[in-house]
Amino acid sequence: MSATSWGLGSAHLIEAEAVAQIPSTPQRADYSEAGPFGTLALDGTFLIDRHWSVNARGQYFRLTVHSFTGRLADYRADVQYRWRRNLAFGVSYEYYKAEVDARNRDPSGEIDLTIKGPQLFVRASF
């Protein structure tokens, strides 16, 4: 018994905050922004048998507007054992990277966040 399913599209709400200060001076800059962020995503599941499945998800988006550049990359693959209808155990590998480069702005700066590695998980869904 095997089955395959695919999905497309994802929406996020992203909030960023940065504070910069020159040591021993009163000079300080605060930056805060929040807003919706949509990405195209490819999501798939392959059912090996009644309890086991292989799942993969990938999404990527890059945008440049004047002196602002942003990029989001999120990739994940996992193997799940669904013990009960609402309870699954699994092992996965995830790679997540977010970059923001704001030049010629006040304050200007760069943010680079990368999270990657293997994970063990328990997923309860209701």
N, C-alpha and C. Protein backbone atom coordinates (compact mmCIF):
# COMPACT_ATOMS: atom_id res chain seq x y z
N MET A 1 0.84 -1.17 0.00
CA MET A 1 0.00 0.00 0.00
C MET A 1 0.89 1.24 0.00
N SER A 2 0.74 2.09 -0.98
CA SER A 2 1.49 3.35 -1.00
C SER A 2 0.61 4.42 -1.61
N ALA A 3 0.79 5.64 -1.12
CA ALA A 3 0.04 6.78 -1.63
C ALA A 3 0.95 8.00 -1.59
N THR A 4 0.69 8.94 -2.47
CA THR A 4 1.49 10.15 -2.54
C THR A 4 0.56 11.35 -2.57
N SER A 5 0.94 12.42 -1.86
CA SER A 5 0.18 13.67 -1.94
C SER A 5 1.16 14.83 -2.03
N TRP A 6 0.71 15.93 -2.67
CA TRP A 6 1.54 17.12 -2.86
C TRP A 6 0.74 18.36 -2.55
N GLY A 7 1.42 19.40 -2.06
CA GLY A 7 0.77 20.68 -1.79
C GLY A 7 1.65 21.82 -2.29
N LEU A 8 1.07 23.02 -2.41
CA LEU A 8 1.81 24.17 -2.93
C LEU A 8 1.33 25.44 -2.25
N GLY A 9 2.28 26.24 -1.71
CA GLY A 9 1.98 27.55 -1.14
C GLY A 9 2.07 27.56 0.38
N SER A 10 2.43 28.73 0.93
CA SER A 10 2.58 28.89 2.36
C SER A 10 2.52 30.38 2.71
N ALA A 11 2.04 30.72 3.89
CA ALA A 11 2.00 32.11 4.35
C ALA A 11 2.62 32.19 5.74
N HIS A 12 3.33 33.28 6.01
CA HIS A 12 4.01 33.48 7.29
C HIS A 12 3.70 34.87 7.81
N LEU A 13 3.80 35.06 9.10
CA LEU A 13 3.80 36.38 9.71
C LEU A 13 5.18 36.53 10.32
N ILE A 14 5.95 37.49 9.83
CA ILE A 14 7.34 37.67 10.26
C ILE A 14 7.47 38.97 11.03
N GLU A 15 8.20 38.91 12.14
CA GLU A 15 8.50 40.08 12.94
C GLU A 15 10.00 40.14 13.17
N ALA A 16 10.60 41.31 12.95
CA ALA A 16 12.04 41.49 13.15
C ALA A 16 12.27 42.71 14.02
N GLU A 17 13.25 42.59 14.89
CA GLU A 17 13.60 43.72 15.76
C GLU A 17 15.11 43.74 15.92
N ALA A 18 15.71 44.92 15.82
CA ALA A 18 17.15 45.07 15.97
C ALA A 18 17.45 46.33 16.77
N VAL A 19 18.47 46.25 17.61
CA VAL A 19 18.92 47.39 18.41
C VAL A 19 20.42 47.50 18.25
N ALA A 20 20.91 48.69 17.93
CA ALA A 20 22.34 48.92 17.78
C ALA A 20 22.74 50.11 18.64
N GLN A 21 23.87 49.99 19.32
CA GLN A 21 24.34 51.08 20.17
C GLN A 21 25.86 51.14 20.12
N ILE A 22 26.38 52.36 20.07
CA ILE A 22 27.83 52.55 20.12
C ILE A 22 28.22 52.58 21.59
N PRO A 23 29.13 51.68 22.02
CA PRO A 23 29.50 51.61 23.44
C PRO A 23 30.01 52.95 23.98
N SER A 24 29.67 53.23 25.21
CA SER A 24 30.10 54.43 25.94
C SER A 24 29.61 55.73 25.32
N THR A 25 28.56 55.67 24.53
CA THR A 25 27.95 56.88 23.97
C THR A 25 26.43 56.76 24.07
N PRO A 26 25.73 57.88 23.97
CA PRO A 26 24.26 57.80 24.01
C PRO A 26 23.65 57.48 22.64
N GLN A 27 24.47 57.18 21.63
CA GLN A 27 23.95 56.91 20.29
C GLN A 27 23.36 55.50 20.23
N ARG A 28 22.10 55.45 19.84
CA ARG A 28 21.38 54.17 19.80
C ARG A 28 20.35 54.21 18.68
N ALA A 29 20.13 53.09 18.03
CA ALA A 29 19.13 52.99 16.97
C ALA A 29 18.29 51.74 17.19
N ASP A 30 16.98 51.89 17.08
CA ASP A 30 16.04 50.78 17.21
C ASP A 30 15.32 50.59 15.88
N TYR A 31 15.10 49.34 15.52
CA TYR A 31 14.37 49.03 14.29
C TYR A 31 13.42 47.88 14.59
N SER A 32 12.19 48.03 14.15
CA SER A 32 11.19 46.99 14.37
C SER A 32 10.23 47.00 13.19
N GLU A 33 9.88 45.82 12.72
CA GLU A 33 8.97 45.70 11.57
C GLU A 33 8.25 44.36 11.64
N ALA A 34 7.00 44.33 11.21
CA ALA A 34 6.23 43.08 11.15
C ALA A 34 5.32 43.13 9.94
N GLY A 35 5.05 41.96 9.38
CA GLY A 35 4.15 41.93 8.24
C GLY A 35 3.98 40.54 7.68
N PRO A 36 3.02 40.36 6.77
CA PRO A 36 2.80 39.05 6.14
C PRO A 36 3.88 38.79 5.10
N PHE A 37 4.18 37.53 4.90
CA PHE A 37 5.22 37.12 3.96
C PHE A 37 4.80 35.81 3.33
N GLY A 38 4.56 35.81 2.04
CA GLY A 38 4.12 34.60 1.36
C GLY A 38 5.27 33.94 0.60
N THR A 39 5.30 32.64 0.59
CA THR A 39 6.32 31.90 -0.18
C THR A 39 5.63 30.83 -1.00
N LEU A 40 6.27 30.45 -2.08
CA LEU A 40 5.85 29.28 -2.81
C LEU A 40 6.52 28.08 -2.16
N ALA A 41 5.76 27.06 -1.90
CA ALA A 41 6.30 25.88 -1.22
C ALA A 41 5.87 24.63 -1.95
N LEU A 42 6.70 23.64 -1.89
CA LEU A 42 6.37 22.32 -2.42
C LEU A 42 6.40 21.36 -1.25
N ASP A 43 5.29 20.68 -1.02
CA ASP A 43 5.12 19.82 0.14
C ASP A 43 4.64 18.47 -0.35
N GLY A 44 5.29 17.39 0.08
CA GLY A 44 4.88 16.07 -0.38
C GLY A 44 4.95 15.01 0.70
N THR A 45 4.10 14.01 0.57
CA THR A 45 4.06 12.88 1.50
C THR A 45 3.97 11.60 0.69
N PHE A 46 4.76 10.61 1.07
CA PHE A 46 4.70 9.29 0.47
C PHE A 46 4.39 8.30 1.58
N LEU A 47 3.25 7.65 1.52
CA LEU A 47 2.82 6.69 2.53
C LEU A 47 3.41 5.33 2.18
N ILE A 48 4.27 4.83 3.05
CA ILE A 48 4.93 3.54 2.83
C ILE A 48 3.98 2.40 3.16
N ASP A 49 3.38 2.45 4.33
CA ASP A 49 2.32 1.52 4.71
C ASP A 49 1.38 2.24 5.67
N ARG A 50 0.56 1.53 6.38
CA ARG A 50 -0.48 2.13 7.22
C ARG A 50 0.09 3.07 8.28
N HIS A 51 1.27 2.79 8.82
CA HIS A 51 1.83 3.59 9.92
C HIS A 51 3.04 4.43 9.52
N TRP A 52 3.72 4.14 8.44
CA TRP A 52 4.98 4.80 8.08
C TRP A 52 4.81 5.72 6.88
N SER A 53 5.47 6.89 6.95
CA SER A 53 5.45 7.81 5.81
C SER A 53 6.77 8.58 5.73
N VAL A 54 7.08 9.03 4.52
CA VAL A 54 8.22 9.91 4.26
C VAL A 54 7.62 11.23 3.79
N ASN A 55 8.08 12.33 4.39
CA ASN A 55 7.52 13.64 4.11
C ASN A 55 8.64 14.61 3.76
N ALA A 56 8.39 15.52 2.84
CA ALA A 56 9.38 16.53 2.47
C ALA A 56 8.67 17.85 2.21
N ARG A 57 9.36 18.93 2.55
CA ARG A 57 8.82 20.27 2.33
C ARG A 57 9.98 21.19 1.97
N GLY A 58 9.78 22.01 0.96
CA GLY A 58 10.78 23.00 0.58
C GLY A 58 10.12 24.29 0.17
N GLN A 59 10.66 25.41 0.63
CA GLN A 59 10.14 26.70 0.21
C GLN A 59 11.29 27.70 0.15
N TYR A 60 11.16 28.62 -0.79
CA TYR A 60 12.22 29.60 -1.02
C TYR A 60 11.59 30.87 -1.57
N PHE A 61 12.09 32.01 -1.10
CA PHE A 61 11.61 33.28 -1.62
C PHE A 61 12.72 34.32 -1.45
N ARG A 62 12.93 35.12 -2.47
CA ARG A 62 13.92 36.20 -2.42
C ARG A 62 13.30 37.43 -3.03
N LEU A 63 13.52 38.59 -2.39
CA LEU A 63 12.94 39.84 -2.85
C LEU A 63 13.96 40.95 -2.68
N THR A 64 14.11 41.78 -3.71
CA THR A 64 14.97 42.97 -3.64
C THR A 64 14.14 44.17 -4.05
N VAL A 65 14.09 45.17 -3.18
CA VAL A 65 13.40 46.42 -3.46
C VAL A 65 14.34 47.55 -3.08
N HIS A 66 14.79 48.29 -4.09
CA HIS A 66 15.75 49.38 -3.90
C HIS A 66 16.98 48.88 -3.15
N SER A 67 17.21 49.36 -1.92
CA SER A 67 18.40 48.98 -1.17
C SER A 67 18.10 47.90 -0.13
N PHE A 68 16.95 47.25 -0.21
CA PHE A 68 16.54 46.23 0.74
C PHE A 68 16.51 44.88 0.03
N THR A 69 17.15 43.87 0.62
CA THR A 69 17.12 42.51 0.09
C THR A 69 16.75 41.55 1.21
N GLY A 70 15.83 40.65 0.94
CA GLY A 70 15.44 39.63 1.91
C GLY A 70 15.36 38.27 1.24
N ARG A 71 15.70 37.22 2.01
CA ARG A 71 15.65 35.86 1.47
C ARG A 71 15.21 34.92 2.59
N LEU A 72 14.36 33.96 2.24
CA LEU A 72 13.93 32.92 3.17
C LEU A 72 14.03 31.58 2.46
N ALA A 73 14.74 30.64 3.06
CA ALA A 73 14.85 29.28 2.54
C ALA A 73 14.54 28.32 3.69
N ASP A 74 13.64 27.39 3.48
CA ASP A 74 13.24 26.45 4.53
C ASP A 74 13.02 25.08 3.88
N TYR A 75 13.83 24.10 4.27
CA TYR A 75 13.75 22.75 3.72
C TYR A 75 13.71 21.75 4.85
N ARG A 76 12.86 20.73 4.72
CA ARG A 76 12.73 19.72 5.77
C ARG A 76 12.32 18.39 5.15
N ALA A 77 12.91 17.31 5.65
CA ALA A 77 12.53 15.96 5.24
C ALA A 77 12.43 15.11 6.50
N ASP A 78 11.43 14.24 6.57
CA ASP A 78 11.30 13.40 7.76
C ASP A 78 10.71 12.04 7.44
N VAL A 79 10.91 11.12 8.36
CA VAL A 79 10.30 9.80 8.36
C VAL A 79 9.45 9.73 9.62
N GLN A 80 8.18 9.37 9.47
CA GLN A 80 7.26 9.34 10.60
C GLN A 80 6.67 7.95 10.81
N TYR A 81 6.49 7.61 12.08
CA TYR A 81 5.71 6.43 12.45
C TYR A 81 4.46 6.95 13.16
N ARG A 82 3.28 6.74 12.58
CA ARG A 82 2.03 7.20 13.17
C ARG A 82 1.46 6.06 14.00
N TRP A 83 1.68 6.15 15.31
CA TRP A 83 1.27 5.10 16.24
C TRP A 83 -0.25 5.05 16.39
N ARG A 84 -0.84 6.21 16.56
CA ARG A 84 -2.30 6.36 16.61
C ARG A 84 -2.67 7.45 15.61
N ARG A 85 -3.95 7.62 15.37
CA ARG A 85 -4.39 8.61 14.37
C ARG A 85 -3.84 10.01 14.65
N ASN A 86 -3.78 10.42 15.93
CA ASN A 86 -3.36 11.78 16.28
C ASN A 86 -1.97 11.85 16.91
N LEU A 87 -1.18 10.79 16.85
CA LEU A 87 0.12 10.79 17.50
C LEU A 87 1.17 10.14 16.60
N ALA A 88 2.24 10.91 16.30
CA ALA A 88 3.31 10.42 15.42
C ALA A 88 4.67 10.66 16.06
N PHE A 89 5.61 9.77 15.77
CA PHE A 89 7.00 9.88 16.20
C PHE A 89 7.85 9.90 14.94
N GLY A 90 8.96 10.64 14.98
CA GLY A 90 9.76 10.68 13.77
C GLY A 90 11.15 11.23 13.96
N VAL A 91 11.89 11.17 12.86
CA VAL A 91 13.23 11.75 12.79
C VAL A 91 13.25 12.60 11.52
N SER A 92 13.90 13.78 11.61
CA SER A 92 13.92 14.68 10.46
C SER A 92 15.25 15.41 10.37
N TYR A 93 15.43 16.06 9.22
CA TYR A 93 16.56 16.96 9.03
C TYR A 93 15.98 18.26 8.50
N GLU A 94 16.40 19.39 9.09
CA GLU A 94 15.86 20.69 8.67
C GLU A 94 16.99 21.66 8.40
N TYR A 95 16.78 22.49 7.36
CA TYR A 95 17.68 23.58 7.01
C TYR A 95 16.83 24.82 6.84
N TYR A 96 17.12 25.85 7.65
CA TYR A 96 16.37 27.09 7.61
C TYR A 96 17.35 28.25 7.54
N LYS A 97 17.16 29.17 6.60
CA LYS A 97 18.04 30.32 6.47
C LYS A 97 17.20 31.55 6.16
N ALA A 98 17.41 32.60 6.95
CA ALA A 98 16.75 33.89 6.74
C ALA A 98 17.83 34.97 6.68
N GLU A 99 17.76 35.79 5.65
CA GLU A 99 18.73 36.87 5.46
C GLU A 99 17.98 38.17 5.16
N VAL A 100 18.44 39.25 5.77
CA VAL A 100 17.91 40.58 5.48
C VAL A 100 19.11 41.51 5.36
N ASP A 101 19.14 42.29 4.30
CA ASP A 101 20.22 43.26 4.09
C ASP A 101 19.56 44.59 3.76
N ALA A 102 19.65 45.53 4.70
CA ALA A 102 19.04 46.84 4.52
C ALA A 102 20.15 47.89 4.45
N ARG A 103 20.46 48.32 3.25
CA ARG A 103 21.51 49.33 3.06
C ARG A 103 20.85 50.68 2.77
N ASN A 104 21.57 51.74 3.08
CA ASN A 104 21.09 53.11 2.86
C ASN A 104 19.77 53.37 3.59
N ARG A 105 19.62 52.77 4.77
CA ARG A 105 18.44 52.98 5.60
C ARG A 105 18.92 53.43 6.97
N ASP A 106 18.02 53.88 7.79
CA ASP A 106 18.39 54.31 9.13
C ASP A 106 17.56 53.53 10.13
N PRO A 107 18.10 52.55 10.81
CA PRO A 107 19.49 52.11 10.76
C PRO A 107 19.69 51.11 9.62
N SER A 108 20.90 51.04 9.10
CA SER A 108 21.22 50.06 8.07
C SER A 108 21.88 48.86 8.74
N GLY A 109 21.86 47.71 8.09
CA GLY A 109 22.46 46.54 8.71
C GLY A 109 22.14 45.27 7.97
N GLU A 110 22.57 44.18 8.56
CA GLU A 110 22.44 42.87 7.95
C GLU A 110 22.09 41.85 9.03
N ILE A 111 21.16 40.96 8.71
CA ILE A 111 20.78 39.86 9.60
C ILE A 111 20.94 38.57 8.82
N ASP A 112 21.60 37.60 9.41
CA ASP A 112 21.81 36.30 8.76
C ASP A 112 21.58 35.22 9.82
N LEU A 113 20.50 34.46 9.68
CA LEU A 113 20.13 33.42 10.64
C LEU A 113 20.07 32.09 9.91
N THR A 114 20.84 31.10 10.39
CA THR A 114 20.83 29.76 9.82
C THR A 114 20.62 28.74 10.93
N ILE A 115 19.66 27.86 10.74
CA ILE A 115 19.40 26.76 11.66
C ILE A 115 19.38 25.49 10.83
N LYS A 116 20.19 24.51 11.21
CA LYS A 116 20.20 23.26 10.45
C LYS A 116 20.58 22.11 11.37
N GLY A 117 20.12 20.93 11.01
CA GLY A 117 20.49 19.74 11.76
C GLY A 117 19.37 18.74 11.90
N PRO A 118 19.69 17.59 12.49
CA PRO A 118 18.70 16.54 12.67
C PRO A 118 17.81 16.82 13.89
N GLN A 119 16.63 16.20 13.87
CA GLN A 119 15.67 16.37 14.97
C GLN A 119 14.93 15.07 15.21
N LEU A 120 14.63 14.81 16.47
CA LEU A 120 13.67 13.77 16.85
C LEU A 120 12.41 14.51 17.28
N PHE A 121 11.25 14.00 16.92
CA PHE A 121 10.04 14.73 17.29
C PHE A 121 8.89 13.79 17.63
N VAL A 122 7.96 14.35 18.39
CA VAL A 122 6.67 13.74 18.69
C VAL A 122 5.64 14.77 18.24
N ARG A 123 4.69 14.35 17.43
CA ARG A 123 3.68 15.27 16.91
C ARG A 123 2.30 14.79 17.32
N ALA A 124 1.59 15.67 18.05
CA ALA A 124 0.20 15.40 18.43
C ALA A 124 -0.68 16.36 17.65
N SER A 125 -1.70 15.85 16.99
CA SER A 125 -2.59 16.71 16.20
C SER A 125 -4.04 16.42 16.60
N PHE A 126 -4.81 17.49 16.62
CA PHE A 126 -6.23 17.37 17.03
C PHE A 126 -7.09 18.17 16.13
